[in-house]
C-alpha atoms as a PDB file:
ATOM      1  CA  MET A   1     -51.669 102.347  16.679  1.00  0.00           C
ATOM      2  CA  ILE A   2     -53.435  99.656  17.735  1.00  0.00           C
ATOM      3  CA  ASN A   3     -51.072  96.920  19.352  1.00  0.00           C
ATOM      4  CA  LEU A   4     -51.394  94.107  22.189  1.00  0.00           C
ATOM      5  CA  GLY A   5     -50.595  96.487  24.870  1.00  0.00           C
ATOM      6  CA  ASN A   6     -53.562  98.872  24.108  1.00  0.00           C
ATOM      7  CA  LEU A   7     -56.333  96.504  22.890  1.00  0.00           C
ATOM      8  CA  SER A   8     -59.759  96.805  24.737  1.00  0.00           C
ATOM      9  CA  PRO A   9     -62.945  94.989  24.159  1.00  0.00           C
ATOM     10  CA  ASN A  10     -65.945  96.742  22.554  1.00  0.00           C
ATOM     11  CA  LYS A  11     -68.106  98.986  24.604  1.00  0.00           C
ATOM     12  CA  GLY A  12     -71.059  96.898  26.252  1.00  0.00           C
ATOM     13  CA  SER A  13     -69.446  93.552  25.457  1.00  0.00           C
ATOM     14  CA  ASN A  14     -68.080  92.731  29.093  1.00  0.00           C
ATOM     15  CA  ARG A  15     -70.473  93.477  31.800  1.00  0.00           C
ATOM     16  CA  GLN A  16     -69.632  93.125  35.300  1.00  0.00           C
ATOM     17  CA  ARG A  17     -71.124  90.097  37.395  1.00  0.00           C
ATOM     18  CA  LYS A  18     -73.943  91.003  39.754  1.00  0.00           C
ATOM     19  CA  ARG A  19     -72.676  91.385  43.247  1.00  0.00           C
ATOM     20  CA  VAL A  20     -75.350  90.238  45.562  1.00  0.00           C
ATOM     21  CA  GLY A  21     -75.665  90.521  49.302  1.00  0.00           C
ATOM     22  CA  ARG A  22     -73.261  93.384  49.697  1.00  0.00           C
ATOM     23  CA  GLY A  23     -75.478  95.988  51.833  1.00  0.00           C
ATOM     24  CA  PRO A  24     -78.134  98.294  51.158  1.00  0.00           C
ATOM     25  CA  GLY A  25     -76.487 100.490  48.973  1.00  0.00           C
ATOM     26  CA  SER A  26     -75.944  98.005  46.335  1.00  0.00           C
ATOM     27  CA  GLY A  27     -79.667  97.577  45.928  1.00  0.00           C
ATOM     28  CA  HIS A  28     -79.078  93.763  46.145  1.00  0.00           C
ATOM     29  CA  GLY A  29     -78.410  93.485  49.692  1.00  0.00           C
ATOM     30  CA  LYS A  30     -80.038  91.717  52.673  1.00  0.00           C
ATOM     31  CA  THR A  31     -81.953  88.781  50.980  1.00  0.00           C
ATOM     32  CA  ALA A  32     -79.919  89.034  47.860  1.00  0.00           C
ATOM     33  CA  GLY A  33     -82.940  88.712  45.588  1.00  0.00           C
ATOM     34  CA  ARG A  34     -84.048  85.398  47.452  1.00  0.00           C
ATOM     35  CA  GLY A  35     -87.060  86.902  48.973  1.00  0.00           C
ATOM     36  CA  HIS A  36     -87.928  85.995  52.549  1.00  0.00           C
ATOM     37  CA  LYS A  37     -87.877  82.198  53.966  1.00  0.00           C
ATOM     38  CA  GLY A  38     -88.913  79.251  51.913  1.00  0.00           C
ATOM     39  CA  PHE A  39     -86.940  76.716  50.271  1.00  0.00           C
ATOM     40  CA  LYS A  40     -85.326  78.676  47.295  1.00  0.00           C
ATOM     41  CA  SER A  41     -84.007  81.085  49.954  1.00  0.00           C
ATOM     42  CA  ARG A  42     -81.834  78.718  51.957  1.00  0.00           C
ATOM     43  CA  SER A  43     -78.264  78.138  51.078  1.00  0.00           C
ATOM     44  CA  GLY A  44     -77.561  74.747  49.346  1.00  0.00           C
ATOM     45  CA  SER A  45     -80.898  74.546  47.909  1.00  0.00           C
ATOM     46  CA  GLY A  46     -82.191  74.597  44.445  1.00  0.00           C
ATOM     47  CA  ILE A  47     -84.849  72.408  42.695  1.00  0.00           C
ATOM     48  CA  LYS A  48     -83.031  69.293  41.615  1.00  0.00           C
ATOM     49  CA  PRO A  49     -83.588  67.466  38.394  1.00  0.00           C
ATOM     50  CA  GLY A  50     -86.885  65.470  38.286  1.00  0.00           C
ATOM     51  CA  PHE A  51     -88.510  67.341  41.118  1.00  0.00           C
ATOM     52  CA  GLU A  52     -92.117  68.101  40.182  1.00  0.00           C
ATOM     53  CA  GLY A  53     -93.187  70.341  43.398  1.00  0.00           C
ATOM     54  CA  GLY A  54     -94.033  67.277  45.586  1.00  0.00           C
ATOM     55  CA  GLN A  55     -95.989  65.286  43.317  1.00  0.00           C
ATOM     56  CA  MET A  56     -94.610  61.801  42.652  1.00  0.00           C
ATOM     57  CA  PRO A  57     -91.933  62.308  39.936  1.00  0.00           C
ATOM     58  CA  LEU A  58     -92.415  60.689  36.333  1.00  0.00           C
ATOM     59  CA  GLN A  59     -89.233  58.460  36.879  1.00  0.00           C
ATOM     60  CA  ARG A  60     -91.056  56.870  40.160  1.00  0.00           C
ATOM     61  CA  ARG A  61     -94.502  56.776  38.400  1.00  0.00           C
ATOM     62  CA  LEU A  62     -93.523  54.545  35.287  1.00  0.00           C
ATOM     63  CA  PRO A  63     -93.321  50.808  35.715  1.00  0.00           C
ATOM     64  CA  LYS A  64     -90.182  48.913  35.845  1.00  0.00           C
ATOM     65  CA  ARG A  65     -89.807  46.104  33.937  1.00  0.00           C
ATOM     66  CA  GLY A  66     -87.113  43.317  33.020  1.00  0.00           C
ATOM     67  CA  PHE A  67     -83.686  43.404  34.134  1.00  0.00           C
ATOM     68  CA  THR A  68     -80.139  44.310  32.597  1.00  0.00           C
ATOM     69  CA  ASN A  69     -77.785  41.297  32.610  1.00  0.00           C
ATOM     70  CA  ILE A  70     -74.474  42.636  33.734  1.00  0.00           C
ATOM     71  CA  ASN A  71     -72.640  39.513  32.171  1.00  0.00           C
ATOM     72  CA  THR A  72     -73.821  40.075  28.867  1.00  0.00           C
ATOM     73  CA  VAL A  73     -71.253  40.402  25.967  1.00  0.00           C
ATOM     74  CA  GLN A  74     -71.316  43.378  23.575  1.00  0.00           C
ATOM     75  CA  TYR A  75     -69.799  42.323  20.171  1.00  0.00           C
ATOM     76  CA  SER A  76     -68.332  44.674  17.291  1.00  0.00           C
ATOM     77  CA  LEU A  77     -70.462  43.107  14.363  1.00  0.00           C
ATOM     78  CA  ILE A  78     -68.494  43.096  11.064  1.00  0.00           C
ATOM     79  CA  SER A  79     -70.111  42.172   7.682  1.00  0.00           C
ATOM     80  CA  LEU A  80     -68.511  40.382   4.928  1.00  0.00           C
ATOM     81  CA  SER A  81     -68.955  43.453   2.565  1.00  0.00           C
ATOM     82  CA  GLN A  82     -66.798  45.372   5.160  1.00  0.00           C
ATOM     83  CA  LEU A  83     -64.083  42.750   4.939  1.00  0.00           C
ATOM     84  CA  ASP A  84     -64.190  43.097   1.505  1.00  0.00           C
ATOM     85  CA  LYS A  85     -62.303  46.211   1.641  1.00  0.00           C
ATOM     86  CA  PHE A  86     -59.125  44.587   2.857  1.00  0.00           C
ATOM     87  CA  GLU A  87     -56.772  43.682   0.007  1.00  0.00           C
ATOM     88  CA  ALA A  88     -56.393  40.219  -0.846  1.00  0.00           C
ATOM     89  CA  GLY A  89     -54.060  37.653   0.944  1.00  0.00           C
ATOM     90  CA  THR A  90     -54.270  40.083   3.864  1.00  0.00           C
ATOM     91  CA  GLU A  91     -54.737  38.604   7.588  1.00  0.00           C
ATOM     92  CA  VAL A  92     -57.819  40.186   9.187  1.00  0.00           C
ATOM     93  CA  THR A  93     -57.450  40.446  12.945  1.00  0.00           C
ATOM     94  CA  SER A  94     -59.486  42.365  15.687  1.00  0.00           C
ATOM     95  CA  ALA A  95     -56.582  44.839  15.984  1.00  0.00           C
ATOM     96  CA  SER A  96     -56.428  45.757  12.261  1.00  0.00           C
ATOM     97  CA  LEU A  97     -60.703  46.116  12.359  1.00  0.00           C
ATOM     98  CA  ILE A  98     -60.067  48.357  15.161  1.00  0.00           C
ATOM     99  CA  GLU A  99     -57.323  50.304  13.533  1.00  0.00           C
ATOM    100  CA  ASN A 100     -59.523  50.860  10.200  1.00  0.00           C
ATOM    101  CA  GLY A 101     -62.241  51.977  12.590  1.00  0.00           C
ATOM    102  CA  MET A 102     -64.463  49.075  11.758  1.00  0.00           C
ATOM    103  CA  ALA A 103     -64.591  47.771  15.392  1.00  0.00           C
ATOM    104  CA  ARG A 104     -64.743  48.996  18.892  1.00  0.00           C
ATOM    105  CA  LYS A 105     -62.025  48.883  21.193  1.00  0.00           C
ATOM    106  CA  GLY A 106     -62.281  46.489  23.979  1.00  0.00           C
ATOM    107  CA  ARG A 107     -65.155  44.468  22.445  1.00  0.00           C
ATOM    108  CA  PRO A 108     -64.725  40.945  20.984  1.00  0.00           C
ATOM    109  CA  VAL A 109     -65.396  40.942  17.192  1.00  0.00           C
ATOM    110  CA  LYS A 110     -67.807  38.778  15.480  1.00  0.00           C
ATOM    111  CA  VAL A 111     -68.198  38.499  11.647  1.00  0.00           C
ATOM    112  CA  LEU A 112     -71.399  37.936  10.128  1.00  0.00           C
ATOM    113  CA  ALA A 113     -72.531  36.848   6.517  1.00  0.00           C
ATOM    114  CA  ASN A 114     -74.204  40.068   5.496  1.00  0.00           C
ATOM    115  CA  GLY A 115     -73.042  40.804   1.877  1.00  0.00           C
ATOM    116  CA  GLU A 116     -70.403  39.128  -0.297  1.00  0.00           C
ATOM    117  CA  LEU A 117     -66.594  38.623  -0.322  1.00  0.00           C
ATOM    118  CA  SER A 118     -64.715  38.394  -3.387  1.00  0.00           C
ATOM    119  CA  LYS A 119     -61.101  38.083  -2.126  1.00  0.00           C
ATOM    120  CA  ALA A 120     -59.363  35.479  -0.508  1.00  0.00           C
ATOM    121  CA  ILE A 121     -58.287  36.900   2.985  1.00  0.00           C
ATOM    122  CA  THR A 122     -57.363  35.297   6.219  1.00  0.00           C
ATOM    123  CA  VAL A 123     -59.880  35.786   9.110  1.00  0.00           C
ATOM    124  CA  ARG A 124     -58.627  35.870  12.710  1.00  0.00           C
ATOM    125  CA  VAL A 125     -61.510  37.008  14.997  1.00  0.00           C
ATOM    126  CA  ASP A 126     -63.099  35.948  18.259  1.00  0.00           C
ATOM    127  CA  MET A 127     -66.384  34.726  16.581  1.00  0.00           C
ATOM    128  CA  ILE A 128     -67.736  33.852  13.146  1.00  0.00           C
ATOM    129  CA  SER A 129     -71.011  32.747  12.039  1.00  0.00           C
ATOM    130  CA  GLY A 130     -71.354  29.510  10.445  1.00  0.00           C
ATOM    131  CA  SER A 131     -72.795  31.195   7.032  1.00  0.00           C
ATOM    132  CA  ALA A 132     -69.840  33.689   6.955  1.00  0.00           C
ATOM    133  CA  ARG A 133     -67.120  30.919   7.584  1.00  0.00           C
ATOM    134  CA  THR A 134     -68.484  29.268   4.197  1.00  0.00           C
ATOM    135  CA  LYS A 135     -68.595  32.188   2.220  1.00  0.00           C
ATOM    136  CA  ILE A 136     -64.916  33.096   3.429  1.00  0.00           C
ATOM    137  CA  GLU A 137     -63.948  29.582   2.509  1.00  0.00           C
ATOM    138  CA  ALA A 138     -65.908  29.648  -0.693  1.00  0.00           C
ATOM    139  CA  ALA A 139     -63.988  32.868  -1.799  1.00  0.00           C
ATOM    140  CA  GLY A 140     -60.632  30.973  -1.302  1.00  0.00           C
ATOM    141  CA  GLY A 141     -60.042  32.265   2.167  1.00  0.00           C
ATOM    142  CA  THR A 142     -59.376  30.822   5.569  1.00  0.00           C
ATOM    143  CA  VAL A 143     -60.554  31.125   8.954  1.00  0.00           C
ATOM    144  CA  VAL A 144     -58.091  30.637  11.621  1.00  0.00           C
ATOM    145  CA  ASP A 145     -59.046  30.352  15.758  1.00  0.00           C
ATOM    146  CA  PRO A 146     -57.748  33.266  17.413  1.00  0.00           C
ATOM    147  CA  LYS A 147     -56.315  31.175  20.203  1.00  0.00           C
ATOM    148  CA  GLU A 148     -53.967  29.477  17.874  1.00  0.00           C
END
């Protein structure tokens, strides 16, 4: 009877690792399959990513253009059609948008006027476009400054 005490793997499924550098009797002794001399025979060597045999690597051949502004602010953009999924009369905040998976945590939220809004909701987010503000107010909703 087979139980946990006498289970064994299928024949040939588990192979022993190749033990190199263990003397002449093993068949993989002395140079351990690395050959004689040269960069690849040394310890700690190995071709690094991007190395092209001494040729100028691609990442150094390509021109560098422009710069990345470290002070730029990445907003989570929300459209009015996404806000339409909330029930009428609810207050939509950055936290509720993150909770519903519409915005990313750690980013300020900006509402854009893409789509239509059919319900009256209260919106309290970091930024809102002018046309989105007018559409929300036209639907009977209100826009609240988040600092209030």
